[in-house]
C-alpha atoms as a PDB file:
ATOM      1  CA  UNK A   1      33.558 -36.825-102.461  1.00  0.00           C
ATOM      2  CA  UNK A   2      33.088 -34.724 -99.157  1.00  0.00           C
ATOM      3  CA  UNK A   3      32.903 -37.167 -96.443  1.00  0.00           C
ATOM      4  CA  UNK A   4      33.128 -36.650 -92.590  1.00  0.00           C
ATOM      5  CA  UNK A   5      31.961 -38.074 -89.556  1.00  0.00           C
ATOM      6  CA  UNK A   6      31.456 -37.098 -85.544  1.00  0.00           C
ATOM      7  CA  UNK A   7      32.969 -39.518 -83.493  1.00  0.00           C
ATOM      8  CA  UNK A   8      33.025 -39.751 -79.384  1.00  0.00           C
ATOM      9  CA  UNK A   9      35.971 -40.293 -77.841  1.00  0.00           C
ATOM     10  CA  UNK A  10      36.216 -39.979 -73.749  1.00  0.00           C
ATOM     11  CA  UNK A  11      32.976 -37.781 -73.512  1.00  0.00           C
ATOM     12  CA  UNK A  12      34.358 -35.183 -76.297  1.00  0.00           C
ATOM     13  CA  UNK A  13      32.758 -35.168 -80.010  1.00  0.00           C
ATOM     14  CA  UNK A  14      35.198 -34.401 -82.922  1.00  0.00           C
ATOM     15  CA  UNK A  15      34.423 -33.847 -86.444  1.00  0.00           C
ATOM     16  CA  UNK A  16      36.701 -35.673 -88.380  1.00  0.00           C
ATOM     17  CA  UNK A  17      37.579 -36.414 -92.113  1.00  0.00           C
ATOM     18  CA  UNK A  18      40.175 -38.604 -93.722  1.00  0.00           C
ATOM     19  CA  UNK A  19      43.580 -36.956 -93.513  1.00  0.00           C
ATOM     20  CA  UNK A  20      42.747 -34.533 -90.734  1.00  0.00           C
ATOM     21  CA  UNK A  21      44.799 -34.450 -87.781  1.00  0.00           C
ATOM     22  CA  UNK A  22      42.977 -33.943 -84.567  1.00  0.00           C
ATOM     23  CA  UNK A  23      44.173 -33.669 -80.626  1.00  0.00           C
ATOM     24  CA  UNK A  24      42.189 -35.869 -78.214  1.00  0.00           C
ATOM     25  CA  UNK A  25      42.474 -37.310 -74.790  1.00  0.00           C
ATOM     26  CA  UNK A  26      45.402 -39.724 -74.393  1.00  0.00           C
ATOM     27  CA  UNK A  27      44.795 -43.250 -75.467  1.00  0.00           C
ATOM     28  CA  UNK A  28      47.390 -45.916 -74.713  1.00  0.00           C
ATOM     29  CA  UNK A  29      49.018 -46.983 -77.900  1.00  0.00           C
ATOM     30  CA  UNK A  30      49.358 -50.587 -78.144  1.00  0.00           C
ATOM     31  CA  UNK A  31      52.591 -51.837 -80.385  1.00  0.00           C
ATOM     32  CA  UNK A  32      51.392 -50.949 -83.496  1.00  0.00           C
ATOM     33  CA  UNK A  33      49.875 -47.226 -83.697  1.00  0.00           C
ATOM     34  CA  UNK A  34      46.586 -48.180 -85.469  1.00  0.00           C
ATOM     35  CA  UNK A  35      43.477 -47.185 -83.435  1.00  0.00           C
ATOM     36  CA  UNK A  36      39.678 -47.668 -84.275  1.00  0.00           C
ATOM     37  CA  UNK A  37      37.012 -45.406 -83.097  1.00  0.00           C
ATOM     38  CA  UNK A  38      33.548 -47.399 -83.197  1.00  0.00           C
ATOM     39  CA  UNK A  39      31.710 -44.862 -81.371  1.00  0.00           C
ATOM     40  CA  UNK A  40      30.433 -43.279 -84.520  1.00  0.00           C
ATOM     41  CA  UNK A  41      27.559 -40.446 -84.004  1.00  0.00           C
ATOM     42  CA  UNK A  42      26.933 -39.285 -87.737  1.00  0.00           C
ATOM     43  CA  UNK A  43      28.517 -40.219 -90.827  1.00  0.00           C
ATOM     44  CA  UNK A  44      28.142 -37.579 -94.218  1.00  0.00           C
ATOM     45  CA  UNK A  45      29.028 -38.452 -97.660  1.00  0.00           C
ATOM     46  CA  UNK A  46      28.164 -36.340-100.221  1.00  0.00           C
ATOM     47  CA  UNK A  47      24.321 -35.987-100.189  1.00  0.00           C
ATOM     48  CA  UNK A  48      23.704 -38.867 -97.768  1.00  0.00           C
ATOM     49  CA  UNK A  49      23.601 -38.585 -93.877  1.00  0.00           C
ATOM     50  CA  UNK A  50      23.419 -41.177 -91.492  1.00  0.00           C
ATOM     51  CA  UNK A  51      22.806 -40.189 -87.815  1.00  0.00           C
ATOM     52  CA  UNK A  52      22.807 -43.247 -85.144  1.00  0.00           C
ATOM     53  CA  UNK A  53      20.768 -43.581 -81.830  1.00  0.00           C
ATOM     54  CA  UNK A  54      23.359 -43.297 -80.304  1.00  0.00           C
ATOM     55  CA  UNK A  55      25.635 -44.748 -82.574  1.00  0.00           C
ATOM     56  CA  UNK A  56      25.734 -45.511 -86.290  1.00  0.00           C
ATOM     57  CA  UNK A  57      25.802 -49.212 -86.799  1.00  0.00           C
ATOM     58  CA  UNK A  58      28.710 -50.962 -88.544  1.00  0.00           C
ATOM     59  CA  UNK A  59      30.321 -47.544 -88.770  1.00  0.00           C
ATOM     60  CA  UNK A  60      33.961 -47.202 -87.867  1.00  0.00           C
ATOM     61  CA  UNK A  61      36.806 -44.531 -87.957  1.00  0.00           C
ATOM     62  CA  UNK A  62      40.321 -45.994 -88.482  1.00  0.00           C
ATOM     63  CA  UNK A  63      43.491 -43.881 -87.657  1.00  0.00           C
ATOM     64  CA  UNK A  64      46.666 -43.702 -86.484  1.00  0.00           C
ATOM     65  CA  UNK A  65      48.444 -42.171 -83.329  1.00  0.00           C
ATOM     66  CA  UNK A  66      51.414 -39.917 -84.239  1.00  0.00           C
ATOM     67  CA  UNK A  67      52.578 -38.998 -80.719  1.00  0.00           C
ATOM     68  CA  UNK A  68      51.524 -38.557 -77.325  1.00  0.00           C
ATOM     69  CA  UNK A  69      52.252 -35.381 -75.489  1.00  0.00           C
ATOM     70  CA  UNK A  70      51.255 -32.836 -72.591  1.00  0.00           C
ATOM     71  CA  UNK A  71      49.511 -29.639 -72.987  1.00  0.00           C
ATOM     72  CA  UNK A  72      50.500 -26.280 -71.990  1.00  0.00           C
ATOM     73  CA  UNK A  73      50.564 -25.771 -68.195  1.00  0.00           C
ATOM     74  CA  UNK A  74      47.030 -24.286 -66.633  1.00  0.00           C
ATOM     75  CA  UNK A  75      47.609 -22.588 -63.461  1.00  0.00           C
ATOM     76  CA  UNK A  76      44.728 -22.991 -61.040  1.00  0.00           C
ATOM     77  CA  UNK A  77      44.882 -20.246 -58.261  1.00  0.00           C
ATOM     78  CA  UNK A  78      42.501 -20.235 -55.167  1.00  0.00           C
ATOM     79  CA  UNK A  79      42.317 -17.429 -52.546  1.00  0.00           C
ATOM     80  CA  UNK A  80      39.965 -16.680 -49.544  1.00  0.00           C
ATOM     81  CA  UNK A  81      39.701 -13.244 -48.465  1.00  0.00           C
ATOM     82  CA  UNK A  82      40.578 -11.955 -45.382  1.00  0.00           C
ATOM     83  CA  UNK A  83      41.831 -15.409 -44.258  1.00  0.00           C
ATOM     84  CA  UNK A  84      45.360 -15.438 -45.287  1.00  0.00           C
ATOM     85  CA  UNK A  85      44.590 -18.632 -47.265  1.00  0.00           C
ATOM     86  CA  UNK A  86      46.525 -18.683 -50.915  1.00  0.00           C
ATOM     87  CA  UNK A  87      46.930 -21.999 -53.132  1.00  0.00           C
ATOM     88  CA  UNK A  88      48.608 -22.399 -56.317  1.00  0.00           C
ATOM     89  CA  UNK A  89      48.524 -25.340 -58.496  1.00  0.00           C
ATOM     90  CA  UNK A  90      49.619 -26.432 -62.123  1.00  0.00           C
ATOM     91  CA  UNK A  91      48.160 -29.148 -64.263  1.00  0.00           C
ATOM     92  CA  UNK A  92      49.519 -30.288 -67.532  1.00  0.00           C
ATOM     93  CA  UNK A  93      46.784 -32.391 -69.571  1.00  0.00           C
ATOM     94  CA  UNK A  94      47.934 -35.461 -71.419  1.00  0.00           C
ATOM     95  CA  UNK A  95      46.814 -35.609 -75.216  1.00  0.00           C
ATOM     96  CA  UNK A  96      47.256 -37.992 -78.332  1.00  0.00           C
ATOM     97  CA  UNK A  97      47.768 -36.787 -81.770  1.00  0.00           C
ATOM     98  CA  UNK A  98      46.068 -38.394 -84.201  1.00  0.00           C
ATOM     99  CA  UNK A  99      45.804 -38.911 -87.893  1.00  0.00           C
ATOM    100  CA  UNK A 100      42.573 -40.050 -89.467  1.00  0.00           C
ATOM    101  CA  UNK A 101      43.149 -42.669 -92.123  1.00  0.00           C
ATOM    102  CA  UNK A 102      39.559 -43.735 -93.195  1.00  0.00           C
ATOM    103  CA  UNK A 103      35.731 -43.933 -92.331  1.00  0.00           C
ATOM    104  CA  UNK A 104      34.460 -47.181 -92.797  1.00  0.00           C
ATOM    105  CA  UNK A 105      30.535 -47.604 -93.020  1.00  0.00           C
ATOM    106  CA  UNK A 106      28.772 -50.790 -93.282  1.00  0.00           C
ATOM    107  CA  UNK A 107      31.853 -53.039 -93.395  1.00  0.00           C
END
């Protein structure tokens, strides 16, 4: 049984399958670490493929938040030639590590 789905989270699309661990934009955890993604763009199971317009009806992906962390630092350097202007800034993006539990269709 080869099943996967494409979900939309915070404007990014991720291809997920049960048992996968993905890194997504940080989402707030609510006590229990269970989360459900309702924005499912595509579901494929064996030879059957459901494509949404824009989302597949009655489809969701259940997952568990493992942890929330910060990514590596990205340096932003701006310089204007012949003006003596230099600016160096850093940014660390927050993300959530999520483990996909199940893909639910029509339930």
